[in-house]
Every structure is written in structure tokens, then in C-alpha cells.
N, C-alpha and C. Protein backbone atom coordinates (compact mmCIF):
# COMPACT_ATOMS: atom_id res chain seq x y z
N VAL A 1 6.18 8.91 -1.40
CA VAL A 1 5.12 8.50 -2.30
C VAL A 1 5.16 6.98 -2.40
N ILE A 2 4.01 6.35 -2.23
CA ILE A 2 3.91 4.89 -2.25
C ILE A 2 2.83 4.49 -3.24
N LEU A 3 3.12 3.48 -4.08
CA LEU A 3 2.08 2.86 -4.89
C LEU A 3 1.66 1.61 -4.13
N ALA A 4 0.46 1.62 -3.59
CA ALA A 4 -0.06 0.48 -2.85
C ALA A 4 -1.00 -0.31 -3.76
N ALA A 5 -0.83 -1.63 -3.79
CA ALA A 5 -1.66 -2.47 -4.64
C ALA A 5 -2.06 -3.73 -3.87
N TRP A 6 -3.34 -4.10 -3.99
CA TRP A 6 -3.87 -5.29 -3.34
C TRP A 6 -4.56 -6.13 -4.40
N LYS A 7 -4.20 -7.39 -4.51
CA LYS A 7 -4.89 -8.31 -5.42
C LYS A 7 -6.24 -8.67 -4.81
N PRO A 8 -7.18 -9.16 -5.61
CA PRO A 8 -8.49 -9.55 -5.06
C PRO A 8 -8.31 -10.54 -3.89
N GLY A 9 -8.96 -10.24 -2.78
CA GLY A 9 -8.89 -11.09 -1.60
C GLY A 9 -7.67 -10.86 -0.73
N GLN A 10 -6.72 -10.06 -1.18
CA GLN A 10 -5.49 -9.83 -0.41
C GLN A 10 -5.74 -8.88 0.76
N ARG A 11 -5.10 -9.19 1.87
CA ARG A 11 -5.15 -8.33 3.06
C ARG A 11 -3.72 -8.02 3.46
N ASP A 12 -3.43 -6.75 3.71
CA ASP A 12 -2.05 -6.41 4.07
C ASP A 12 -1.79 -6.62 5.56
N ALA A 13 -0.54 -6.51 5.93
CA ALA A 13 -0.12 -6.70 7.32
C ALA A 13 -0.59 -5.51 8.16
N TRP A 14 -0.70 -5.73 9.46
CA TRP A 14 -1.07 -4.66 10.38
C TRP A 14 0.00 -3.58 10.31
N HIS A 15 -0.44 -2.32 10.25
CA HIS A 15 0.47 -1.19 10.20
C HIS A 15 -0.28 0.07 10.63
N SER A 16 0.44 1.17 10.74
CA SER A 16 -0.20 2.45 11.07
C SER A 16 0.45 3.55 10.23
N HIS A 17 -0.18 4.70 10.20
CA HIS A 17 0.35 5.87 9.51
C HIS A 17 0.49 6.96 10.56
N PRO A 18 1.73 7.24 10.99
CA PRO A 18 1.93 8.19 12.08
C PRO A 18 1.68 9.65 11.69
N GLY A 19 1.60 9.92 10.41
CA GLY A 19 1.35 11.29 9.95
C GLY A 19 0.18 11.35 9.00
N GLN A 20 -0.24 12.55 8.68
CA GLN A 20 -1.34 12.74 7.75
C GLN A 20 -0.89 12.33 6.35
N LEU A 21 -1.86 11.93 5.52
CA LEU A 21 -1.52 11.54 4.16
C LEU A 21 -2.66 11.82 3.21
N ALA A 22 -2.30 11.87 1.92
CA ALA A 22 -3.29 12.01 0.86
C ALA A 22 -3.25 10.73 0.04
N ALA A 23 -4.41 10.31 -0.47
CA ALA A 23 -4.49 9.10 -1.28
C ALA A 23 -5.27 9.38 -2.55
N TYR A 24 -4.78 8.82 -3.67
CA TYR A 24 -5.43 8.97 -4.97
C TYR A 24 -5.67 7.57 -5.53
N SER A 25 -6.90 7.24 -5.86
CA SER A 25 -7.27 5.90 -6.35
C SER A 25 -7.02 5.79 -7.85
N LEU A 26 -6.12 4.90 -8.23
CA LEU A 26 -5.86 4.63 -9.64
C LEU A 26 -6.90 3.69 -10.22
N THR A 27 -7.53 2.89 -9.35
CA THR A 27 -8.58 1.95 -9.76
C THR A 27 -9.72 2.06 -8.76
N GLY A 28 -10.87 1.57 -9.14
CA GLY A 28 -11.96 1.46 -8.18
C GLY A 28 -11.62 0.36 -7.18
N CYS A 29 -12.18 0.45 -5.98
CA CYS A 29 -11.80 -0.51 -4.96
C CYS A 29 -12.94 -0.73 -3.96
N GLU A 30 -13.22 -2.00 -3.69
CA GLU A 30 -14.13 -2.37 -2.61
C GLU A 30 -13.24 -2.91 -1.50
N ALA A 31 -13.21 -2.23 -0.38
CA ALA A 31 -12.24 -2.57 0.66
C ALA A 31 -12.91 -2.72 2.03
N ARG A 32 -12.19 -3.43 2.89
CA ARG A 32 -12.59 -3.55 4.29
C ARG A 32 -11.38 -3.12 5.11
N LEU A 33 -11.57 -2.11 5.96
CA LEU A 33 -10.53 -1.63 6.85
C LEU A 33 -10.72 -2.28 8.21
N HIS A 34 -9.80 -3.16 8.57
CA HIS A 34 -9.84 -3.83 9.87
C HIS A 34 -9.13 -2.96 10.90
N THR A 35 -9.77 -2.74 12.03
CA THR A 35 -9.17 -1.94 13.09
C THR A 35 -8.87 -2.82 14.30
N SER A 36 -8.06 -2.29 15.19
CA SER A 36 -7.74 -3.07 16.39
C SER A 36 -9.01 -3.31 17.18
N GLY A 37 -9.04 -4.40 17.92
CA GLY A 37 -10.23 -4.74 18.69
C GLY A 37 -11.22 -5.57 17.89
N GLY A 38 -10.84 -6.00 16.67
CA GLY A 38 -11.70 -6.87 15.89
C GLY A 38 -12.82 -6.19 15.12
N LYS A 39 -12.82 -4.88 15.05
CA LYS A 39 -13.86 -4.17 14.30
C LYS A 39 -13.39 -3.92 12.87
N TYR A 40 -14.34 -3.60 11.99
CA TYR A 40 -14.00 -3.27 10.61
C TYR A 40 -15.02 -2.30 10.04
N VAL A 41 -14.59 -1.64 8.95
CA VAL A 41 -15.44 -0.70 8.23
C VAL A 41 -15.31 -1.03 6.75
N ASP A 42 -16.44 -1.24 6.06
CA ASP A 42 -16.44 -1.48 4.63
C ASP A 42 -16.58 -0.16 3.90
N GLY A 43 -15.90 -0.06 2.75
CA GLY A 43 -15.99 1.16 1.97
C GLY A 43 -15.60 0.91 0.52
N SER A 44 -15.80 1.91 -0.29
CA SER A 44 -15.40 1.80 -1.69
C SER A 44 -14.82 3.13 -2.15
N ASN A 45 -13.85 3.03 -3.05
CA ASN A 45 -13.24 4.20 -3.65
C ASN A 45 -13.46 4.11 -5.15
N LYS A 46 -13.76 5.24 -5.77
CA LYS A 46 -13.93 5.28 -7.22
C LYS A 46 -12.61 5.65 -7.87
N LYS A 47 -12.39 5.14 -9.06
CA LYS A 47 -11.21 5.48 -9.84
C LYS A 47 -11.14 7.00 -9.98
N GLY A 48 -9.97 7.57 -9.69
CA GLY A 48 -9.78 9.01 -9.79
C GLY A 48 -10.17 9.77 -8.54
N GLY A 49 -10.66 9.05 -7.53
CA GLY A 49 -11.04 9.70 -6.28
C GLY A 49 -9.82 10.01 -5.42
N ALA A 50 -9.90 11.07 -4.68
CA ALA A 50 -8.81 11.46 -3.78
C ALA A 50 -9.39 11.76 -2.41
N ASN A 51 -8.58 11.50 -1.39
CA ASN A 51 -9.01 11.86 -0.04
C ASN A 51 -7.80 12.19 0.81
N PHE A 52 -8.07 12.84 1.91
CA PHE A 52 -7.05 13.23 2.88
C PHE A 52 -7.36 12.51 4.18
N ASN A 53 -6.36 11.86 4.73
CA ASN A 53 -6.56 11.10 5.97
C ASN A 53 -5.73 11.67 7.10
N PRO A 54 -6.31 11.73 8.28
CA PRO A 54 -5.54 12.16 9.45
C PRO A 54 -4.62 11.00 9.88
N ILE A 55 -4.00 11.12 11.01
CA ILE A 55 -3.18 10.04 11.56
C ILE A 55 -4.07 8.81 11.71
N ILE A 56 -3.59 7.68 11.21
CA ILE A 56 -4.38 6.45 11.24
C ILE A 56 -3.70 5.43 12.16
N PRO A 57 -4.41 4.99 13.23
CA PRO A 57 -3.82 4.00 14.13
C PRO A 57 -3.74 2.62 13.47
N SER A 58 -3.27 1.65 14.19
CA SER A 58 -3.07 0.30 13.68
C SER A 58 -4.29 -0.23 12.94
N HIS A 59 -4.05 -0.75 11.71
CA HIS A 59 -5.13 -1.26 10.86
C HIS A 59 -4.57 -2.19 9.81
N SER A 60 -5.46 -2.83 9.08
CA SER A 60 -5.11 -3.70 7.97
C SER A 60 -6.20 -3.54 6.91
N LEU A 61 -5.79 -3.41 5.64
CA LEU A 61 -6.76 -3.22 4.56
C LEU A 61 -6.90 -4.51 3.76
N GLU A 62 -8.14 -4.86 3.45
CA GLU A 62 -8.46 -6.06 2.67
C GLU A 62 -9.20 -5.66 1.40
N ASN A 63 -8.74 -6.15 0.25
CA ASN A 63 -9.42 -5.92 -1.02
C ASN A 63 -10.55 -6.93 -1.13
N ARG A 64 -11.79 -6.46 -1.09
CA ARG A 64 -12.96 -7.34 -1.17
C ARG A 64 -13.52 -7.43 -2.58
N GLY A 65 -12.88 -6.74 -3.53
CA GLY A 65 -13.37 -6.74 -4.90
C GLY A 65 -12.81 -7.88 -5.73
N ARG A 66 -13.13 -7.82 -7.02
CA ARG A 66 -12.71 -8.87 -7.96
C ARG A 66 -11.55 -8.44 -8.84
N THR A 67 -11.11 -7.20 -8.68
CA THR A 67 -9.99 -6.69 -9.47
C THR A 67 -8.94 -6.10 -8.54
N GLU A 68 -7.74 -5.90 -9.07
CA GLU A 68 -6.68 -5.33 -8.26
C GLU A 68 -7.03 -3.90 -7.86
N CYS A 69 -6.68 -3.55 -6.68
CA CYS A 69 -6.92 -2.23 -6.10
C CYS A 69 -5.58 -1.49 -6.06
N GLN A 70 -5.49 -0.31 -6.67
CA GLN A 70 -4.24 0.46 -6.70
C GLN A 70 -4.50 1.88 -6.22
N THR A 71 -3.65 2.32 -5.30
CA THR A 71 -3.77 3.65 -4.72
C THR A 71 -2.39 4.27 -4.59
N VAL A 72 -2.27 5.54 -4.92
CA VAL A 72 -1.04 6.27 -4.69
C VAL A 72 -1.21 7.00 -3.36
N ILE A 73 -0.27 6.77 -2.44
CA ILE A 73 -0.32 7.38 -1.12
C ILE A 73 0.83 8.36 -0.99
N VAL A 74 0.51 9.58 -0.58
CA VAL A 74 1.53 10.61 -0.39
C VAL A 74 1.49 11.04 1.06
N GLY A 75 2.60 10.83 1.75
CA GLY A 75 2.67 11.19 3.16
C GLY A 75 3.93 12.03 3.44
N LYS A 76 3.86 12.81 4.47
CA LYS A 76 5.00 13.62 4.88
C LYS A 76 5.96 12.75 5.65
N LYS A 77 7.21 12.86 5.34
CA LYS A 77 8.23 12.06 6.01
C LYS A 77 8.83 12.80 7.16
């Protein structure tokens, strides 16, 4: 279980998730997911929203909002 937090404008280091995971948004979030090859996808999560993600290749997440973005990530070890 990981508490992930991004300050406004913060972008995390390149990483990947080798296994499936579930995520629960503690706060609303306007984010940009950068993928390898220079592409990106913009998205938003609502406070209290949950989702299930498959294996995620190399990426970096950027908080594009004005408030801190907090998500609880649960992955199988």
C-alpha cells in the first residue's frame, strides 16, 4: 500500500508498475500521464474515485492542478 502525493506542478520520476493495482483518490486531481516516446494523456480523478489498472509500462505523472493530489495505491507484491 502506497500513499502517493504530488504538489501542484510536481512531476514524479519515470517508473513502471509491473503488476496490476487499484487506486483510490483521496483528493480531486488534474493530471497528465507522460508515456515513453514523448506522448501524454490528460485526465482527472474525483475525490473518492477508485479504479483498477492493468500492468503499466514506463510513465511519469504530473499534477496539473492547483492543489495537492493524493492517491492510495494498492498493488500485489
